[in-house]
ModelCIF file with pLDDT and N, C-alpha, C, O atoms, coordinates in Angstrom:
data_MODEL
#
_entry.id   MODEL 
#
_entity.id                         1 
_entity.type                       polymer 
_entity.pdbx_number_of_molecules   1 
#
_entity_poly.entity_id                      1 
_entity_poly.type                           'polypeptide(L)' 
_entity_poly.nstd_linkage                   no 
_entity_poly.nstd_monomer                   no 
_entity_poly.pdbx_seq_one_letter_code       EWRARLQRGDVIDALGQPVRDDSPYAPHLKIYYYRDPP 
_entity_poly.pdbx_seq_one_letter_code_can   EWRARLQRGDVIDALGQPVRDDSPYAPHLKIYYYRDPP 
_entity_poly.pdbx_strand_id                 A 
#
loop_
_entity_poly_seq.entity_id 
_entity_poly_seq.num 
_entity_poly_seq.mon_id 
_entity_poly_seq.hetero 
1 1  GLU n 
1 2  TRP n 
1 3  ARG n 
1 4  ALA n 
1 5  ARG n 
1 6  LEU n 
1 7  GLN n 
1 8  ARG n 
1 9  GLY n 
1 10 ASP n 
1 11 VAL n 
1 12 ILE n 
1 13 ASP n 
1 14 ALA n 
1 15 LEU n 
1 16 GLY n 
1 17 GLN n 
1 18 PRO n 
1 19 VAL n 
1 20 ARG n 
1 21 ASP n 
1 22 ASP n 
1 23 SER n 
1 24 PRO n 
1 25 TYR n 
1 26 ALA n 
1 27 PRO n 
1 28 HIS n 
1 29 LEU n 
1 30 LYS n 
1 31 ILE n 
1 32 TYR n 
1 33 TYR n 
1 34 TYR n 
1 35 ARG n 
1 36 ASP n 
1 37 PRO n 
1 38 PRO n 
#
_struct_asym.id          A 
_struct_asym.entity_id   1 
#
loop_
_ma_qa_metric.id 
_ma_qa_metric.mode 
_ma_qa_metric.name 
_ma_qa_metric.software_group_id 
_ma_qa_metric.type 
1 global pLDDT . pLDDT 
2 local  pLDDT . pLDDT 
#
_ma_qa_metric_global.metric_id      1 
_ma_qa_metric_global.metric_value   90.13 
_ma_qa_metric_global.model_id       1 
_ma_qa_metric_global.ordinal_id     1 
#
loop_
_ma_qa_metric_local.label_asym_id 
_ma_qa_metric_local.label_comp_id 
_ma_qa_metric_local.label_seq_id 
_ma_qa_metric_local.metric_id 
_ma_qa_metric_local.metric_value 
_ma_qa_metric_local.model_id 
_ma_qa_metric_local.ordinal_id 
A GLU 1  2 91.00 1 1  
A TRP 2  2 93.00 1 2  
A ARG 3  2 93.00 1 3  
A ALA 4  2 92.00 1 4  
A ARG 5  2 92.00 1 5  
A LEU 6  2 94.00 1 6  
A GLN 7  2 92.00 1 7  
A ARG 8  2 91.00 1 8  
A GLY 9  2 91.00 1 9  
A ASP 10 2 91.00 1 10 
A VAL 11 2 93.00 1 11 
A ILE 12 2 93.00 1 12 
A ASP 13 2 91.00 1 13 
A ALA 14 2 88.00 1 14 
A LEU 15 2 87.00 1 15 
A GLY 16 2 87.00 1 16 
A GLN 17 2 91.00 1 17 
A PRO 18 2 93.00 1 18 
A VAL 19 2 94.00 1 19 
A ARG 20 2 94.00 1 20 
A ASP 21 2 92.00 1 21 
A ASP 22 2 93.00 1 22 
A SER 23 2 94.00 1 23 
A PRO 24 2 94.00 1 24 
A TYR 25 2 95.00 1 25 
A ALA 26 2 92.00 1 26 
A PRO 27 2 93.00 1 27 
A HIS 28 2 93.00 1 28 
A LEU 29 2 93.00 1 29 
A LYS 30 2 92.00 1 30 
A ILE 31 2 92.00 1 31 
A TYR 32 2 91.00 1 32 
A TYR 33 2 90.00 1 33 
A TYR 34 2 86.00 1 34 
A ARG 35 2 80.00 1 35 
A ASP 36 2 75.00 1 36 
A PRO 37 2 74.00 1 37 
A PRO 38 2 75.00 1 38 
#
loop_
_atom_site.group_PDB 
_atom_site.id 
_atom_site.type_symbol 
_atom_site.label_atom_id 
_atom_site.label_alt_id 
_atom_site.label_comp_id 
_atom_site.label_asym_id 
_atom_site.label_entity_id 
_atom_site.label_seq_id 
_atom_site.pdbx_PDB_ins_code 
_atom_site.Cartn_x 
_atom_site.Cartn_y 
_atom_site.Cartn_z 
_atom_site.occupancy 
_atom_site.B_iso_or_equiv 
_atom_site.pdbx_formal_charge 
_atom_site.auth_seq_id 
_atom_site.auth_comp_id 
_atom_site.auth_asym_id 
_atom_site.auth_atom_id 
_atom_site.pdbx_PDB_model_num 
ATOM 1   N N  . GLU A 1 1  ? -10.385 5.126  -5.411 1.00 91.00 ? 1  GLU A N  1 
ATOM 2   C CA . GLU A 1 1  ? -10.702 3.813  -4.104 1.00 91.00 ? 1  GLU A CA 1 
ATOM 3   C C  . GLU A 1 1  ? -9.352  2.904  -3.744 1.00 91.00 ? 1  GLU A C  1 
ATOM 4   O O  . GLU A 1 1  ? -9.437  2.048  -2.864 1.00 91.00 ? 1  GLU A O  1 
ATOM 5   N N  . TRP A 1 2  ? -7.718  3.193  -4.682 1.00 93.00 ? 2  TRP A N  1 
ATOM 6   C CA . TRP A 1 2  ? -6.481  2.778  -4.319 1.00 93.00 ? 2  TRP A CA 1 
ATOM 7   C C  . TRP A 1 2  ? -5.950  3.819  -2.859 1.00 93.00 ? 2  TRP A C  1 
ATOM 8   O O  . TRP A 1 2  ? -5.329  3.453  -1.860 1.00 93.00 ? 2  TRP A O  1 
ATOM 9   N N  . ARG A 1 3  ? -6.709  5.826  -3.383 1.00 93.00 ? 3  ARG A N  1 
ATOM 10  C CA . ARG A 1 3  ? -6.395  6.453  -1.763 1.00 93.00 ? 3  ARG A CA 1 
ATOM 11  C C  . ARG A 1 3  ? -7.343  5.738  -1.004 1.00 93.00 ? 3  ARG A C  1 
ATOM 12  O O  . ARG A 1 3  ? -6.672  4.987  -0.297 1.00 93.00 ? 3  ARG A O  1 
ATOM 13  N N  . ALA A 1 4  ? -8.165  5.618  -0.841 1.00 92.00 ? 4  ALA A N  1 
ATOM 14  C CA . ALA A 1 4  ? -9.153  4.991  0.257  1.00 92.00 ? 4  ALA A CA 1 
ATOM 15  C C  . ALA A 1 4  ? -8.502  3.739  0.888  1.00 92.00 ? 4  ALA A C  1 
ATOM 16  O O  . ALA A 1 4  ? -8.660  3.601  2.101  1.00 92.00 ? 4  ALA A O  1 
ATOM 17  N N  . ARG A 1 5  ? -7.895  2.949  0.316  1.00 92.00 ? 5  ARG A N  1 
ATOM 18  C CA . ARG A 1 5  ? -6.838  1.723  0.561  1.00 92.00 ? 5  ARG A CA 1 
ATOM 19  C C  . ARG A 1 5  ? -5.982  2.307  1.416  1.00 92.00 ? 5  ARG A C  1 
ATOM 20  O O  . ARG A 1 5  ? -6.067  2.184  2.638  1.00 92.00 ? 5  ARG A O  1 
ATOM 21  N N  . LEU A 1 6  ? -4.870  3.159  0.654  1.00 94.00 ? 6  LEU A N  1 
ATOM 22  C CA . LEU A 1 6  ? -4.443  3.509  1.226  1.00 94.00 ? 6  LEU A CA 1 
ATOM 23  C C  . LEU A 1 6  ? -4.147  4.897  2.631  1.00 94.00 ? 6  LEU A C  1 
ATOM 24  O O  . LEU A 1 6  ? -3.091  5.349  3.075  1.00 94.00 ? 6  LEU A O  1 
ATOM 25  N N  . GLN A 1 7  ? -5.263  5.141  2.896  1.00 92.00 ? 7  GLN A N  1 
ATOM 26  C CA . GLN A 1 7  ? -5.870  5.335  4.082  1.00 92.00 ? 7  GLN A CA 1 
ATOM 27  C C  . GLN A 1 7  ? -6.038  4.348  5.032  1.00 92.00 ? 7  GLN A C  1 
ATOM 28  O O  . GLN A 1 7  ? -5.647  4.783  6.116  1.00 92.00 ? 7  GLN A O  1 
ATOM 29  N N  . ARG A 1 8  ? -6.357  3.457  5.096  1.00 91.00 ? 8  ARG A N  1 
ATOM 30  C CA . ARG A 1 8  ? -6.943  2.372  5.678  1.00 91.00 ? 8  ARG A CA 1 
ATOM 31  C C  . ARG A 1 8  ? -5.764  1.648  5.898  1.00 91.00 ? 8  ARG A C  1 
ATOM 32  O O  . ARG A 1 8  ? -5.930  1.022  6.945  1.00 91.00 ? 8  ARG A O  1 
ATOM 33  N N  . GLY A 1 9  ? -4.560  1.403  5.389  1.00 91.00 ? 9  GLY A N  1 
ATOM 34  C CA . GLY A 1 9  ? -3.078  0.303  5.568  1.00 91.00 ? 9  GLY A CA 1 
ATOM 35  C C  . GLY A 1 9  ? -3.727  -0.385 4.985  1.00 91.00 ? 9  GLY A C  1 
ATOM 36  O O  . GLY A 1 9  ? -4.020  -1.278 5.780  1.00 91.00 ? 9  GLY A O  1 
ATOM 37  N N  . ASP A 1 10 ? -4.223  -0.601 3.976  1.00 91.00 ? 10 ASP A N  1 
ATOM 38  C CA . ASP A 1 10 ? -4.129  -1.935 3.127  1.00 91.00 ? 10 ASP A CA 1 
ATOM 39  C C  . ASP A 1 10 ? -3.271  -1.712 2.391  1.00 91.00 ? 10 ASP A C  1 
ATOM 40  O O  . ASP A 1 10 ? -3.461  -2.125 1.247  1.00 91.00 ? 10 ASP A O  1 
ATOM 41  N N  . VAL A 1 11 ? -2.400  -1.227 2.573  1.00 93.00 ? 11 VAL A N  1 
ATOM 42  C CA . VAL A 1 11 ? -1.088  -1.477 1.582  1.00 93.00 ? 11 VAL A CA 1 
ATOM 43  C C  . VAL A 1 11 ? -0.287  -1.005 2.110  1.00 93.00 ? 11 VAL A C  1 
ATOM 44  O O  . VAL A 1 11 ? -0.189  0.087  2.670  1.00 93.00 ? 11 VAL A O  1 
ATOM 45  N N  . ILE A 1 12 ? 0.922   -2.498 1.849  1.00 93.00 ? 12 ILE A N  1 
ATOM 46  C CA . ILE A 1 12 ? 1.982   -2.220 2.721  1.00 93.00 ? 12 ILE A CA 1 
ATOM 47  C C  . ILE A 1 12 ? 3.148   -2.416 2.004  1.00 93.00 ? 12 ILE A C  1 
ATOM 48  O O  . ILE A 1 12 ? 3.040   -2.440 0.778  1.00 93.00 ? 12 ILE A O  1 
ATOM 49  N N  . ASP A 1 13 ? 4.600   -2.609 2.666  1.00 91.00 ? 13 ASP A N  1 
ATOM 50  C CA . ASP A 1 13 ? 5.760   -2.865 2.254  1.00 91.00 ? 13 ASP A CA 1 
ATOM 51  C C  . ASP A 1 13 ? 6.438   -4.330 2.649  1.00 91.00 ? 13 ASP A C  1 
ATOM 52  O O  . ASP A 1 13 ? 6.356   -4.847 3.763  1.00 91.00 ? 13 ASP A O  1 
ATOM 53  N N  . ALA A 1 14 ? 7.175   -4.930 1.416  1.00 88.00 ? 14 ALA A N  1 
ATOM 54  C CA . ALA A 1 14 ? 7.651   -6.701 2.787  1.00 88.00 ? 14 ALA A CA 1 
ATOM 55  C C  . ALA A 1 14 ? 7.862   -6.270 4.283  1.00 88.00 ? 14 ALA A C  1 
ATOM 56  O O  . ALA A 1 14 ? 7.022   -6.873 4.951  1.00 88.00 ? 14 ALA A O  1 
ATOM 57  N N  . LEU A 1 15 ? 8.585   -5.531 5.016  1.00 87.00 ? 15 LEU A N  1 
ATOM 58  C CA . LEU A 1 15 ? 8.737   -5.396 6.080  1.00 87.00 ? 15 LEU A CA 1 
ATOM 59  C C  . LEU A 1 15 ? 7.494   -5.475 7.062  1.00 87.00 ? 15 LEU A C  1 
ATOM 60  O O  . LEU A 1 15 ? 7.498   -5.898 8.218  1.00 87.00 ? 15 LEU A O  1 
ATOM 61  N N  . GLY A 1 16 ? 6.074   -4.800 6.090  1.00 87.00 ? 16 GLY A N  1 
ATOM 62  C CA . GLY A 1 16 ? 4.538   -4.877 7.043  1.00 87.00 ? 16 GLY A CA 1 
ATOM 63  C C  . GLY A 1 16 ? 4.505   -3.511 6.917  1.00 87.00 ? 16 GLY A C  1 
ATOM 64  O O  . GLY A 1 16 ? 3.468   -3.119 6.382  1.00 87.00 ? 16 GLY A O  1 
ATOM 65  N N  . GLN A 1 17 ? 5.303   -2.629 7.235  1.00 91.00 ? 17 GLN A N  1 
ATOM 66  C CA . GLN A 1 17 ? 4.732   -0.644 7.527  1.00 91.00 ? 17 GLN A CA 1 
ATOM 67  C C  . GLN A 1 17 ? 4.036   -0.837 6.061  1.00 91.00 ? 17 GLN A C  1 
ATOM 68  O O  . GLN A 1 17 ? 4.274   -1.418 5.002  1.00 91.00 ? 17 GLN A O  1 
ATOM 69  N N  . PRO A 1 18 ? 2.717   0.260  6.816  1.00 93.00 ? 18 PRO A N  1 
ATOM 70  C CA . PRO A 1 18 ? 2.285   1.077  5.843  1.00 93.00 ? 18 PRO A CA 1 
ATOM 71  C C  . PRO A 1 18 ? 2.750   1.552  3.909  1.00 93.00 ? 18 PRO A C  1 
ATOM 72  O O  . PRO A 1 18 ? 3.880   1.584  3.421  1.00 93.00 ? 18 PRO A O  1 
ATOM 73  N N  . VAL A 1 19 ? 1.992   1.723  3.519  1.00 94.00 ? 19 VAL A N  1 
ATOM 74  C CA . VAL A 1 19 ? 2.470   3.055  1.930  1.00 94.00 ? 19 VAL A CA 1 
ATOM 75  C C  . VAL A 1 19 ? 1.361   3.767  2.165  1.00 94.00 ? 19 VAL A C  1 
ATOM 76  O O  . VAL A 1 19 ? 0.203   3.415  2.388  1.00 94.00 ? 19 VAL A O  1 
ATOM 77  N N  . ARG A 1 20 ? 2.062   5.206  2.056  1.00 94.00 ? 20 ARG A N  1 
ATOM 78  C CA . ARG A 1 20 ? 1.147   6.192  2.561  1.00 94.00 ? 20 ARG A CA 1 
ATOM 79  C C  . ARG A 1 20 ? 1.189   6.787  0.743  1.00 94.00 ? 20 ARG A C  1 
ATOM 80  O O  . ARG A 1 20 ? 1.962   6.560  -0.189 1.00 94.00 ? 20 ARG A O  1 
ATOM 81  N N  . ASP A 1 21 ? -0.188  7.704  0.905  1.00 92.00 ? 21 ASP A N  1 
ATOM 82  C CA . ASP A 1 21 ? -0.581  8.937  -0.424 1.00 92.00 ? 21 ASP A CA 1 
ATOM 83  C C  . ASP A 1 21 ? 0.578   9.415  -0.823 1.00 92.00 ? 21 ASP A C  1 
ATOM 84  O O  . ASP A 1 21 ? 0.788   9.688  -2.004 1.00 92.00 ? 21 ASP A O  1 
ATOM 85  N N  . ASP A 1 22 ? 1.843   9.635  0.531  1.00 93.00 ? 22 ASP A N  1 
ATOM 86  C CA . ASP A 1 22 ? 3.045   10.752 -0.635 1.00 93.00 ? 22 ASP A CA 1 
ATOM 87  C C  . ASP A 1 22 ? 3.891   9.509  -0.722 1.00 93.00 ? 22 ASP A C  1 
ATOM 88  O O  . ASP A 1 22 ? 4.950   9.852  -1.247 1.00 93.00 ? 22 ASP A O  1 
ATOM 89  N N  . SER A 1 23 ? 3.909   8.140  -0.429 1.00 94.00 ? 23 SER A N  1 
ATOM 90  C CA . SER A 1 23 ? 5.284   7.803  0.179  1.00 94.00 ? 23 SER A CA 1 
ATOM 91  C C  . SER A 1 23 ? 6.231   7.293  -1.521 1.00 94.00 ? 23 SER A C  1 
ATOM 92  O O  . SER A 1 23 ? 5.786   6.420  -2.266 1.00 94.00 ? 23 SER A O  1 
ATOM 93  N N  . PRO A 1 24 ? 7.353   7.965  -1.762 1.00 94.00 ? 24 PRO A N  1 
ATOM 94  C CA . PRO A 1 24 ? 8.233   7.936  -3.022 1.00 94.00 ? 24 PRO A CA 1 
ATOM 95  C C  . PRO A 1 24 ? 7.748   6.872  -3.360 1.00 94.00 ? 24 PRO A C  1 
ATOM 96  O O  . PRO A 1 24 ? 7.164   5.997  -2.721 1.00 94.00 ? 24 PRO A O  1 
ATOM 97  N N  . TYR A 1 25 ? 8.172   7.039  -5.013 1.00 95.00 ? 25 TYR A N  1 
ATOM 98  C CA . TYR A 1 25 ? 8.619   5.523  -5.699 1.00 95.00 ? 25 TYR A CA 1 
ATOM 99  C C  . TYR A 1 25 ? 9.612   4.776  -5.228 1.00 95.00 ? 25 TYR A C  1 
ATOM 100 O O  . TYR A 1 25 ? 10.356  5.675  -4.836 1.00 95.00 ? 25 TYR A O  1 
ATOM 101 N N  . ALA A 1 26 ? 9.890   4.277  -5.104 1.00 92.00 ? 26 ALA A N  1 
ATOM 102 C CA . ALA A 1 26 ? 11.382  2.947  -5.144 1.00 92.00 ? 26 ALA A CA 1 
ATOM 103 C C  . ALA A 1 26 ? 11.450  1.703  -5.609 1.00 92.00 ? 26 ALA A C  1 
ATOM 104 O O  . ALA A 1 26 ? 11.197  0.685  -4.966 1.00 92.00 ? 26 ALA A O  1 
ATOM 105 N N  . PRO A 1 27 ? 11.832  1.781  -6.862 1.00 93.00 ? 27 PRO A N  1 
ATOM 106 C CA . PRO A 1 27 ? 11.971  0.527  -8.006 1.00 93.00 ? 27 PRO A CA 1 
ATOM 107 C C  . PRO A 1 27 ? 12.722  -1.065 -6.859 1.00 93.00 ? 27 PRO A C  1 
ATOM 108 O O  . PRO A 1 27 ? 13.594  -1.433 -6.072 1.00 93.00 ? 27 PRO A O  1 
ATOM 109 N N  . HIS A 1 28 ? 11.617  -1.400 -7.563 1.00 93.00 ? 28 HIS A N  1 
ATOM 110 C CA . HIS A 1 28 ? 12.217  -2.911 -6.846 1.00 93.00 ? 28 HIS A CA 1 
ATOM 111 C C  . HIS A 1 28 ? 11.494  -3.104 -5.745 1.00 93.00 ? 28 HIS A C  1 
ATOM 112 O O  . HIS A 1 28 ? 11.590  -4.234 -5.265 1.00 93.00 ? 28 HIS A O  1 
ATOM 113 N N  . LEU A 1 29 ? 10.724  -2.263 -5.137 1.00 93.00 ? 29 LEU A N  1 
ATOM 114 C CA . LEU A 1 29 ? 10.423  -3.161 -4.124 1.00 93.00 ? 29 LEU A CA 1 
ATOM 115 C C  . LEU A 1 29 ? 9.348   -3.538 -3.579 1.00 93.00 ? 29 LEU A C  1 
ATOM 116 O O  . LEU A 1 29 ? 8.508   -2.639 -3.554 1.00 93.00 ? 29 LEU A O  1 
ATOM 117 N N  . LYS A 1 30 ? 9.043   -4.445 -3.156 1.00 92.00 ? 30 LYS A N  1 
ATOM 118 C CA . LYS A 1 30 ? 8.016   -5.492 -2.614 1.00 92.00 ? 30 LYS A CA 1 
ATOM 119 C C  . LYS A 1 30 ? 6.752   -4.811 -2.357 1.00 92.00 ? 30 LYS A C  1 
ATOM 120 O O  . LYS A 1 30 ? 6.754   -4.413 -1.192 1.00 92.00 ? 30 LYS A O  1 
ATOM 121 N N  . ILE A 1 31 ? 5.747   -4.534 -2.925 1.00 92.00 ? 31 ILE A N  1 
ATOM 122 C CA . ILE A 1 31 ? 4.660   -4.247 -1.875 1.00 92.00 ? 31 ILE A CA 1 
ATOM 123 C C  . ILE A 1 31 ? 3.504   -5.309 -1.724 1.00 92.00 ? 31 ILE A C  1 
ATOM 124 O O  . ILE A 1 31 ? 3.716   -6.246 -2.494 1.00 92.00 ? 31 ILE A O  1 
ATOM 125 N N  . TYR A 1 32 ? 2.056   -5.513 -0.797 1.00 91.00 ? 32 TYR A N  1 
ATOM 126 C CA . TYR A 1 32 ? 1.337   -6.015 -0.732 1.00 91.00 ? 32 TYR A CA 1 
ATOM 127 C C  . TYR A 1 32 ? -0.410  -5.002 -0.995 1.00 91.00 ? 32 TYR A C  1 
ATOM 128 O O  . TYR A 1 32 ? -0.565  -3.790 -0.842 1.00 91.00 ? 32 TYR A O  1 
ATOM 129 N N  . TYR A 1 33 ? -0.888  -5.468 -1.184 1.00 90.00 ? 33 TYR A N  1 
ATOM 130 C CA . TYR A 1 33 ? -2.400  -4.767 -1.243 1.00 90.00 ? 33 TYR A CA 1 
ATOM 131 C C  . TYR A 1 33 ? -3.428  -5.244 -0.926 1.00 90.00 ? 33 TYR A C  1 
ATOM 132 O O  . TYR A 1 33 ? -4.018  -5.155 -2.002 1.00 90.00 ? 33 TYR A O  1 
ATOM 133 N N  . TYR A 1 34 ? -4.259  -5.786 -0.124 1.00 86.00 ? 34 TYR A N  1 
ATOM 134 C CA . TYR A 1 34 ? -5.327  -6.218 0.556  1.00 86.00 ? 34 TYR A CA 1 
ATOM 135 C C  . TYR A 1 34 ? -6.820  -6.125 -0.954 1.00 86.00 ? 34 TYR A C  1 
ATOM 136 O O  . TYR A 1 34 ? -6.884  -4.967 -1.367 1.00 86.00 ? 34 TYR A O  1 
ATOM 137 N N  . ARG A 1 35 ? -7.369  -6.636 -1.345 1.00 80.00 ? 35 ARG A N  1 
ATOM 138 C CA . ARG A 1 35 ? -8.070  -6.428 -1.839 1.00 80.00 ? 35 ARG A CA 1 
ATOM 139 C C  . ARG A 1 35 ? -9.886  -6.148 -1.363 1.00 80.00 ? 35 ARG A C  1 
ATOM 140 O O  . ARG A 1 35 ? -10.335 -7.101 -0.727 1.00 80.00 ? 35 ARG A O  1 
ATOM 141 N N  . ASP A 1 36 ? -10.925 -4.960 -1.612 1.00 75.00 ? 36 ASP A N  1 
ATOM 142 C CA . ASP A 1 36 ? -12.086 -5.478 -1.566 1.00 75.00 ? 36 ASP A CA 1 
ATOM 143 C C  . ASP A 1 36 ? -13.201 -5.981 -2.264 1.00 75.00 ? 36 ASP A C  1 
ATOM 144 O O  . ASP A 1 36 ? -14.165 -5.394 -2.757 1.00 75.00 ? 36 ASP A O  1 
ATOM 145 N N  . PRO A 1 37 ? -12.770 -7.677 -2.200 1.00 74.00 ? 37 PRO A N  1 
ATOM 146 C CA . PRO A 1 37 ? -13.730 -7.575 -3.221 1.00 74.00 ? 37 PRO A CA 1 
ATOM 147 C C  . PRO A 1 37 ? -15.505 -7.707 -2.928 1.00 74.00 ? 37 PRO A C  1 
ATOM 148 O O  . PRO A 1 37 ? -16.201 -7.731 -1.913 1.00 74.00 ? 37 PRO A O  1 
ATOM 149 N N  . PRO A 1 38 ? -15.800 -7.783 -4.575 1.00 75.00 ? 38 PRO A N  1 
ATOM 150 C CA . PRO A 1 38 ? -17.176 -7.618 -4.388 1.00 75.00 ? 38 PRO A CA 1 
ATOM 151 C C  . PRO A 1 38 ? -17.743 -8.852 -3.431 1.00 75.00 ? 38 PRO A C  1 
ATOM 152 O O  . PRO A 1 38 ? -18.937 -8.906 -3.136 1.00 75.00 ? 38 PRO A O  1 
#
């Protein structure tokens, strides 16, 4: 599900840029993720 969210663009950084499946880890980076509630 996390990988599907990344592919859909449901995870972004503080500048609104999509986080990709291979985006390197960066401590202190603020990220946002959209949920798919039941």
